[in-house]
């Protein structure tokens, strides 16, 4: 499972055998969330949340926005089109 970003004790993963649309799984001790990236211009959109608080989700979204170009490039490198 390729970890494509780490921040604040969280891991952002793109699964190699996953499906479109382009999305990432964010995993941490408090939960897991899935964000659709909405490549290439975003903004990322929360699709699923299992355990994160709203403040955590907001912090995660800010980090994903900052890394969007790289995350979209990584998705494309693994899966092709968004």
PDB file of N, CA and C in Angstrom:
ATOM      1  N   UNK A   1       0.838  -1.168   0.000  1.00  0.00           N
ATOM      2  CA  UNK A   1       0.000   0.000   0.000  1.00  0.00           C
ATOM      3  C   UNK A   1       0.883   1.231   0.000  1.00  0.00           C
ATOM      4  N   UNK A   2       0.889   1.988  -1.082  1.00  0.00           N
ATOM      5  CA  UNK A   2       1.746   3.161  -1.174  1.00  0.00           C
ATOM      6  C   UNK A   2       1.262   4.315  -0.299  1.00  0.00           C
ATOM      7  N   UNK A   3       2.069   4.670   0.681  1.00  0.00           N
ATOM      8  CA  UNK A   3       1.815   5.878   1.451  1.00  0.00           C
ATOM      9  C   UNK A   3       2.374   7.031   0.638  1.00  0.00           C
ATOM     10  N   UNK A   4       1.528   7.987   0.293  1.00  0.00           N
ATOM     11  CA  UNK A   4       1.944   9.075  -0.587  1.00  0.00           C
ATOM     12  C   UNK A   4       2.155  10.386   0.153  1.00  0.00           C
ATOM     13  N   UNK A   5       1.751  10.442   1.424  1.00  0.00           N
ATOM     14  CA  UNK A   5       1.923  11.658   2.217  1.00  0.00           C
ATOM     15  C   UNK A   5       1.789  11.290   3.683  1.00  0.00           C
ATOM     16  N   UNK A   6       2.581  11.949   4.514  1.00  0.00           N
ATOM     17  CA  UNK A   6       2.478  11.819   5.972  1.00  0.00           C
ATOM     18  C   UNK A   6       2.459  13.216   6.570  1.00  0.00           C
ATOM     19  N   UNK A   7       1.581  13.427   7.559  1.00  0.00           N
ATOM     20  CA  UNK A   7       1.560  14.700   8.288  1.00  0.00           C
ATOM     21  C   UNK A   7       0.809  14.493   9.602  1.00  0.00           C
ATOM     22  N   UNK A   8       1.262  15.162  10.635  1.00  0.00           N
ATOM     23  CA  UNK A   8       0.591  15.146  11.941  1.00  0.00           C
ATOM     24  C   UNK A   8       0.220  13.749  12.426  1.00  0.00           C
ATOM     25  N   UNK A   9       1.073  12.773  12.187  1.00  0.00           N
ATOM     26  CA  UNK A   9       0.801  11.412  12.628  1.00  0.00           C
ATOM     27  C   UNK A   9      -0.204  10.665  11.762  1.00  0.00           C
ATOM     28  N   UNK A  10      -0.551  11.218  10.619  1.00  0.00           N
ATOM     29  CA  UNK A  10      -1.509  10.589   9.704  1.00  0.00           C
ATOM     30  C   UNK A  10      -0.784  10.079   8.465  1.00  0.00           C
ATOM     31  N   UNK A  11      -1.377   9.096   7.841  1.00  0.00           N
ATOM     32  CA  UNK A  11      -0.851   8.502   6.613  1.00  0.00           C
ATOM     33  C   UNK A  11      -1.889   8.643   5.523  1.00  0.00           C
ATOM     34  N   UNK A  12      -1.472   9.114   4.350  1.00  0.00           N
ATOM     35  CA  UNK A  12      -2.359   9.234   3.198  1.00  0.00           C
ATOM     36  C   UNK A  12      -1.952   8.156   2.208  1.00  0.00           C
ATOM     37  N   UNK A  13      -2.921   7.313   1.828  1.00  0.00           N
ATOM     38  CA  UNK A  13      -2.639   6.117   1.038  1.00  0.00           C
ATOM     39  C   UNK A  13      -3.473   6.122  -0.236  1.00  0.00           C
ATOM     40  N   UNK A  14      -2.852   5.664  -1.328  1.00  0.00           N
ATOM     41  CA  UNK A  14      -3.568   5.355  -2.560  1.00  0.00           C
ATOM     42  C   UNK A  14      -3.377   3.863  -2.791  1.00  0.00           C
ATOM     43  N   UNK A  15      -4.468   3.117  -2.758  1.00  0.00           N
ATOM     44  CA  UNK A  15      -4.389   1.666  -2.959  1.00  0.00           C
ATOM     45  C   UNK A  15      -4.182   1.360  -4.446  1.00  0.00           C
ATOM     46  N   UNK A  16      -3.243   0.483  -4.789  1.00  0.00           N
ATOM     47  CA  UNK A  16      -2.976   0.177  -6.199  1.00  0.00           C
ATOM     48  C   UNK A  16      -4.121  -0.528  -6.911  1.00  0.00           C
ATOM     49  N   UNK A  17      -4.956  -1.251  -6.197  1.00  0.00           N
ATOM     50  CA  UNK A  17      -6.045  -1.986  -6.847  1.00  0.00           C
ATOM     51  C   UNK A  17      -7.396  -1.312  -6.623  1.00  0.00           C
ATOM     52  N   UNK A  18      -7.381   0.000  -6.425  1.00  0.00           N
ATOM     53  CA  UNK A  18      -8.601   0.742  -6.108  1.00  0.00           C
ATOM     54  C   UNK A  18      -9.301   1.230  -7.374  1.00  0.00           C
ATOM     55  N   UNK A  19     -10.402   1.891  -7.224  1.00  0.00           N
ATOM     56  CA  UNK A  19     -11.298   2.297  -8.303  1.00  0.00           C
ATOM     57  C   UNK A  19     -11.331   3.815  -8.433  1.00  0.00           C
ATOM     58  N   UNK A  20     -11.855   4.264  -9.544  1.00  0.00           N
ATOM     59  CA  UNK A  20     -12.086   5.690  -9.752  1.00  0.00           C
ATOM     60  C   UNK A  20     -13.375   6.084  -9.044  1.00  0.00           C
ATOM     61  N   UNK A  21     -13.570   7.362  -8.736  1.00  0.00           N
ATOM     62  CA  UNK A  21     -12.736   8.510  -9.041  1.00  0.00           C
ATOM     63  C   UNK A  21     -11.504   8.558  -8.147  1.00  0.00           C
ATOM     64  N   UNK A  22     -10.572   9.408  -8.546  1.00  0.00           N
ATOM     65  CA  UNK A  22      -9.332   9.572  -7.779  1.00  0.00           C
ATOM     66  C   UNK A  22      -9.667   9.938  -6.332  1.00  0.00           C
ATOM     67  N   UNK A  23      -9.092   9.190  -5.405  1.00  0.00           N
ATOM     68  CA  UNK A  23      -9.341   9.445  -3.995  1.00  0.00           C
ATOM     69  C   UNK A  23      -8.181   8.928  -3.158  1.00  0.00           C
ATOM     70  N   UNK A  24      -8.142   9.369  -1.906  1.00  0.00           N
ATOM     71  CA  UNK A  24      -7.124   8.906  -0.960  1.00  0.00           C
ATOM     72  C   UNK A  24      -7.798   8.445   0.314  1.00  0.00           C
ATOM     73  N   UNK A  25      -7.108   7.543   1.002  1.00  0.00           N
ATOM     74  CA  UNK A  25      -7.514   7.083   2.323  1.00  0.00           C
ATOM     75  C   UNK A  25      -6.557   7.729   3.324  1.00  0.00           C
ATOM     76  N   UNK A  26      -7.122   8.398   4.319  1.00  0.00           N
ATOM     77  CA  UNK A  26      -6.312   9.043   5.355  1.00  0.00           C
ATOM     78  C   UNK A  26      -6.491   8.225   6.621  1.00  0.00           C
ATOM     79  N   UNK A  27      -5.379   7.719   7.163  1.00  0.00           N
ATOM     80  CA  UNK A  27      -5.446   6.825   8.321  1.00  0.00           C
ATOM     81  C   UNK A  27      -4.638   7.384   9.484  1.00  0.00           C
ATOM     82  N   UNK A  28      -5.210   7.262  10.652  1.00  0.00           N
ATOM     83  CA  UNK A  28      -4.529   7.678  11.864  1.00  0.00           C
ATOM     84  C   UNK A  28      -5.047   6.875  13.041  1.00  0.00           C
ATOM     85  N   UNK A  29      -4.533   7.153  14.209  1.00  0.00           N
ATOM     86  CA  UNK A  29      -4.927   6.415  15.405  1.00  0.00           C
ATOM     87  C   UNK A  29      -6.403   6.606  15.738  1.00  0.00           C
ATOM     88  N   UNK A  30      -6.973   7.764  15.356  1.00  0.00           N
ATOM     89  CA  UNK A  30      -8.354   8.076  15.705  1.00  0.00           C
ATOM     90  C   UNK A  30      -9.371   7.658  14.657  1.00  0.00           C
ATOM     91  N   UNK A  31      -8.903   7.219  13.487  1.00  0.00           N
ATOM     92  CA  UNK A  31      -9.874   6.820  12.489  1.00  0.00           C
ATOM     93  C   UNK A  31      -9.317   6.747  11.089  1.00  0.00           C
ATOM     94  N   UNK A  32     -10.240   6.688  10.148  1.00  0.00           N
ATOM     95  CA  UNK A  32      -9.909   6.662   8.729  1.00  0.00           C
ATOM     96  C   UNK A  32     -10.957   7.478   7.993  1.00  0.00           C
ATOM     97  N   UNK A  33     -10.495   8.200   6.972  1.00  0.00           N
ATOM     98  CA  UNK A  33     -11.408   8.968   6.126  1.00  0.00           C
ATOM     99  C   UNK A  33     -11.005   8.781   4.677  1.00  0.00           C
ATOM    100  N   UNK A  34     -11.975   8.925   3.799  1.00  0.00           N
ATOM    101  CA  UNK A  34     -11.732   8.836   2.363  1.00  0.00           C
ATOM    102  C   UNK A  34     -12.146  10.175   1.761  1.00  0.00           C
ATOM    103  N   UNK A  35     -11.241  10.747   0.974  1.00  0.00           N
ATOM    104  CA  UNK A  35     -11.514  12.011   0.295  1.00  0.00           C
ATOM    105  C   UNK A  35     -11.400  11.808  -1.205  1.00  0.00           C
ATOM    106  N   UNK A  36     -12.429  12.182  -1.961  1.00  0.00           N
ATOM    107  CA  UNK A  36     -12.312  12.266  -3.406  1.00  0.00           C
ATOM    108  C   UNK A  36     -11.447  13.485  -3.699  1.00  0.00           C
ATOM    109  N   UNK A  37     -10.458  13.322  -4.568  1.00  0.00           N
ATOM    110  CA  UNK A  37      -9.522  14.410  -4.843  1.00  0.00           C
ATOM    111  C   UNK A  37     -10.094  15.462  -5.785  1.00  0.00           C
ATOM    112  N   UNK A  38     -10.994  15.056  -6.670  1.00  0.00           N
ATOM    113  CA  UNK A  38     -11.580  15.951  -7.664  1.00  0.00           C
ATOM    114  C   UNK A  38     -10.485  16.563  -8.543  1.00  0.00           C
ATOM    115  N   UNK A  39      -9.590  15.691  -9.005  1.00  0.00           N
ATOM    116  CA  UNK A  39      -8.466  16.092  -9.850  1.00  0.00           C
ATOM    117  C   UNK A  39      -8.966  16.671 -11.163  1.00  0.00           C
ATOM    118  N   UNK A  40      -8.244  17.584 -11.737  1.00  0.00           N
ATOM    119  CA  UNK A  40      -6.945  18.077 -11.301  1.00  0.00           C
ATOM    120  C   UNK A  40      -7.018  19.332 -10.438  1.00  0.00           C
ATOM    121  N   UNK A  41      -8.196  19.955 -10.308  1.00  0.00           N
ATOM    122  CA  UNK A  41      -8.264  21.262  -9.652  1.00  0.00           C
ATOM    123  C   UNK A  41      -8.879  21.267  -8.263  1.00  0.00           C
ATOM    124  N   UNK A  42      -9.431  20.117  -7.830  1.00  0.00           N
ATOM    125  CA  UNK A  42     -10.009  20.034  -6.498  1.00  0.00           C
ATOM    126  C   UNK A  42     -11.250  20.893  -6.369  1.00  0.00           C
ATOM    127  N   UNK A  43     -11.625  21.221  -5.172  1.00  0.00           N
ATOM    128  CA  UNK A  43     -10.990  20.842  -3.919  1.00  0.00           C
ATOM    129  C   UNK A  43     -11.380  19.424  -3.506  1.00  0.00           C
ATOM    130  N   UNK A  44     -10.553  18.801  -2.673  1.00  0.00           N
ATOM    131  CA  UNK A  44     -10.906  17.474  -2.164  1.00  0.00           C
ATOM    132  C   UNK A  44     -12.249  17.528  -1.433  1.00  0.00           C
ATOM    133  N   UNK A  45     -12.950  16.400  -1.481  1.00  0.00           N
ATOM    134  CA  UNK A  45     -14.285  16.322  -0.887  1.00  0.00           C
ATOM    135  C   UNK A  45     -14.386  15.067  -0.021  1.00  0.00           C
ATOM    136  N   UNK A  46     -14.810  15.242   1.214  1.00  0.00           N
ATOM    137  CA  UNK A  46     -14.977  14.104   2.122  1.00  0.00           C
ATOM    138  C   UNK A  46     -16.033  13.155   1.580  1.00  0.00           C
ATOM    139  N   UNK A  47     -15.686  11.882   1.482  1.00  0.00           N
ATOM    140  CA  UNK A  47     -16.633  10.859   1.033  1.00  0.00           C
ATOM    141  C   UNK A  47     -17.066   9.950   2.185  1.00  0.00           C
ATOM    142  N   UNK A  48     -16.113   9.571   3.037  1.00  0.00           N
ATOM    143  CA  UNK A  48     -16.418   8.683   4.159  1.00  0.00           C
ATOM    144  C   UNK A  48     -15.569   9.092   5.356  1.00  0.00           C
ATOM    145  N   UNK A  49     -16.125   8.916   6.547  1.00  0.00           N
ATOM    146  CA  UNK A  49     -15.389   9.201   7.776  1.00  0.00           C
ATOM    147  C   UNK A  49     -15.714   8.143   8.817  1.00  0.00           C
ATOM    148  N   UNK A  50     -14.679   7.593   9.389  1.00  0.00           N
ATOM    149  CA  UNK A  50     -14.826   6.583  10.433  1.00  0.00           C
ATOM    150  C   UNK A  50     -13.988   6.993  11.635  1.00  0.00           C
ATOM    151  N   UNK A  51     -14.506   7.897  12.453  1.00  0.00           N
ATOM    152  CA  UNK A  51     -13.865   8.203  13.719  1.00  0.00           C
ATOM    153  C   UNK A  51     -13.221   9.565  13.868  1.00  0.00           C
ATOM    154  N   UNK A  52     -12.906  10.258  12.800  1.00  0.00           N
ATOM    155  CA  UNK A  52     -12.281  11.573  12.942  1.00  0.00           C
ATOM    156  C   UNK A  52     -13.312  12.606  13.375  1.00  0.00           C
ATOM    157  N   UNK A  53     -12.873  13.552  14.203  1.00  0.00           N
ATOM    158  CA  UNK A  53     -13.718  14.679  14.600  1.00  0.00           C
ATOM    159  C   UNK A  53     -13.698  15.730  13.487  1.00  0.00           C
ATOM    160  N   UNK A  54     -14.649  16.636  13.522  1.00  0.00           N
ATOM    161  CA  UNK A  54     -14.744  17.693  12.518  1.00  0.00           C
ATOM    162  C   UNK A  54     -13.467  18.522  12.457  1.00  0.00           C
ATOM    163  N   UNK A  55     -12.879  18.825  13.607  1.00  0.00           N
ATOM    164  CA  UNK A  55     -11.639  19.613  13.597  1.00  0.00           C
ATOM    165  C   UNK A  55     -10.515  18.849  12.887  1.00  0.00           C
ATOM    166  N   UNK A  56     -10.467  17.531  13.085  1.00  0.00           N
ATOM    167  CA  UNK A  56      -9.470  16.707  12.385  1.00  0.00           C
ATOM    168  C   UNK A  56      -9.720  16.731  10.883  1.00  0.00           C
ATOM    169  N   UNK A  57     -10.968  16.589  10.486  1.00  0.00           N
ATOM    170  CA  UNK A  57     -11.310  16.566   9.063  1.00  0.00           C
ATOM    171  C   UNK A  57     -10.944  17.883   8.389  1.00  0.00           C
ATOM    172  N   UNK A  58     -11.182  18.987   9.083  1.00  0.00           N
ATOM    173  CA  UNK A  58     -10.816  20.295   8.521  1.00  0.00           C
ATOM    174  C   UNK A  58      -9.304  20.403   8.336  1.00  0.00           C
ATOM    175  N   UNK A  59      -8.549  19.939   9.308  1.00  0.00           N
ATOM    176  CA  UNK A  59      -7.081  19.961   9.237  1.00  0.00           C
ATOM    177  C   UNK A  59      -6.595  19.067   8.106  1.00  0.00           C
ATOM    178  N   UNK A  60      -7.197  17.913   7.954  1.00  0.00           N
ATOM    179  CA  UNK A  60      -6.841  16.985   6.877  1.00  0.00           C
ATOM    180  C   UNK A  60      -7.124  17.626   5.522  1.00  0.00           C
ATOM    181  N   UNK A  61      -8.288  18.237   5.388  1.00  0.00           N
ATOM    182  CA  UNK A  61      -8.649  18.850   4.110  1.00  0.00           C
ATOM    183  C   UNK A  61      -7.655  19.941   3.712  1.00  0.00           C
ATOM    184  N   UNK A  62      -7.232  20.750   4.661  1.00  0.00           N
ATOM    185  CA  UNK A  62      -6.243  21.799   4.376  1.00  0.00           C
ATOM    186  C   UNK A  62      -4.949  21.179   3.850  1.00  0.00           C
ATOM    187  N   UNK A  63      -4.501  20.097   4.473  1.00  0.00           N
ATOM    188  CA  UNK A  63      -3.269  19.431   4.029  1.00  0.00           C
ATOM    189  C   UNK A  63      -3.437  18.823   2.643  1.00  0.00           C
ATOM    190  N   UNK A  64      -4.602  18.249   2.367  1.00  0.00           N
ATOM    191  CA  UNK A  64      -4.837  17.658   1.050  1.00  0.00           C
ATOM    192  C   UNK A  64      -4.890  18.721  -0.038  1.00  0.00           C
ATOM    193  N   UNK A  65      -5.484  19.860   0.263  1.00  0.00           N
ATOM    194  CA  UNK A  65      -5.514  20.966  -0.704  1.00  0.00           C
ATOM    195  C   UNK A  65      -4.092  21.399  -1.030  1.00  0.00           C
ATOM    196  N   UNK A  66      -3.248  21.520  -0.011  1.00  0.00           N
ATOM    197  CA  UNK A  66      -1.867  21.943  -0.224  1.00  0.00           C
ATOM    198  C   UNK A  66      -1.076  20.942  -1.064  1.00  0.00           C
ATOM    199  N   UNK A  67      -1.432  19.672  -0.979  1.00  0.00           N
ATOM    200  CA  UNK A  67      -0.691  18.619  -1.687  1.00  0.00           C
ATOM    201  C   UNK A  67      -1.437  18.106  -2.921  1.00  0.00           C
ATOM    202  N   UNK A  68      -2.514  18.791  -3.334  1.00  0.00           N
ATOM    203  CA  UNK A  68      -3.394  18.263  -4.371  1.00  0.00           C
ATOM    204  C   UNK A  68      -2.671  17.914  -5.674  1.00  0.00           C
ATOM    205  N   UNK A  69      -1.825  18.790  -6.166  1.00  0.00           N
ATOM    206  CA  UNK A  69      -1.144  18.529  -7.439  1.00  0.00           C
ATOM    207  C   UNK A  69      -0.322  17.247  -7.355  1.00  0.00           C
ATOM    208  N   UNK A  70       0.403  17.069  -6.269  1.00  0.00           N
ATOM    209  CA  UNK A  70       1.215  15.859  -6.104  1.00  0.00           C
ATOM    210  C   UNK A  70       0.336  14.623  -5.950  1.00  0.00           C
ATOM    211  N   UNK A  71      -0.744  14.730  -5.194  1.00  0.00           N
ATOM    212  CA  UNK A  71      -1.639  13.583  -5.000  1.00  0.00           C
ATOM    213  C   UNK A  71      -2.290  13.169  -6.319  1.00  0.00           C
ATOM    214  N   UNK A  72      -2.720  14.133  -7.119  1.00  0.00           N
ATOM    215  CA  UNK A  72      -3.312  13.815  -8.423  1.00  0.00           C
ATOM    216  C   UNK A  72      -2.280  13.170  -9.339  1.00  0.00           C
ATOM    217  N   UNK A  73      -1.063  13.662  -9.289  1.00  0.00           N
ATOM    218  CA  UNK A  73       0.015  13.069 -10.089  1.00  0.00           C
ATOM    219  C   UNK A  73       0.293  11.641  -9.638  1.00  0.00           C
ATOM    220  N   UNK A  74       0.309  11.412  -8.336  1.00  0.00           N
ATOM    221  CA  UNK A  74       0.541  10.073  -7.801  1.00  0.00           C
ATOM    222  C   UNK A  74      -0.578   9.124  -8.206  1.00  0.00           C
ATOM    223  N   UNK A  75      -1.844   9.596  -8.124  1.00  0.00           N
ATOM    224  CA  UNK A  75      -2.979   8.765  -8.544  1.00  0.00           C
ATOM    225  C   UNK A  75      -2.827   8.397 -10.004  1.00  0.00           C
ATOM    226  N   UNK A  76      -2.516   9.384 -10.833  1.00  0.00           N
ATOM    227  CA  UNK A  76      -2.362   9.154 -12.265  1.00  0.00           C
ATOM    228  C   UNK A  76      -1.238   8.171 -12.547  1.00  0.00           C
ATOM    229  N   UNK A  77      -0.154   8.257 -11.792  1.00  0.00           N
ATOM    230  CA  UNK A  77       0.966   7.331 -11.966  1.00  0.00           C
ATOM    231  C   UNK A  77       0.602   5.892 -11.629  1.00  0.00           C
ATOM    232  N   UNK A  78      -0.294   5.707 -10.690  1.00  0.00           N
ATOM    233  CA  UNK A  78      -0.713   4.371 -10.265  1.00  0.00           C
ATOM    234  C   UNK A  78      -1.857   3.840 -11.119  1.00  0.00           C
ATOM    235  N   UNK A  79      -2.836   4.714 -11.420  1.00  0.00           N
ATOM    236  CA  UNK A  79      -4.088   4.267 -12.054  1.00  0.00           C
ATOM    237  C   UNK A  79      -4.352   4.816 -13.447  1.00  0.00           C
ATOM    238  N   UNK A  80      -3.584   5.772 -13.889  1.00  0.00           N
ATOM    239  CA  UNK A  80      -3.902   6.417 -15.156  1.00  0.00           C
ATOM    240  C   UNK A  80      -4.854   7.567 -14.934  1.00  0.00           C
ATOM    241  N   UNK A  81      -5.884   7.665 -15.777  1.00  0.00           N
ATOM    242  CA  UNK A  81      -6.821   8.786 -15.695  1.00  0.00           C
ATOM    243  C   UNK A  81      -7.477   8.858 -14.341  1.00  0.00           C
ATOM    244  N   UNK A  82      -7.987  10.046 -14.032  1.00  0.00           N
ATOM    245  CA  UNK A  82      -8.633  10.295 -12.747  1.00  0.00           C
ATOM    246  C   UNK A  82      -9.987   9.641 -12.705  1.00  0.00           C
TER     247      UNK A  82
END
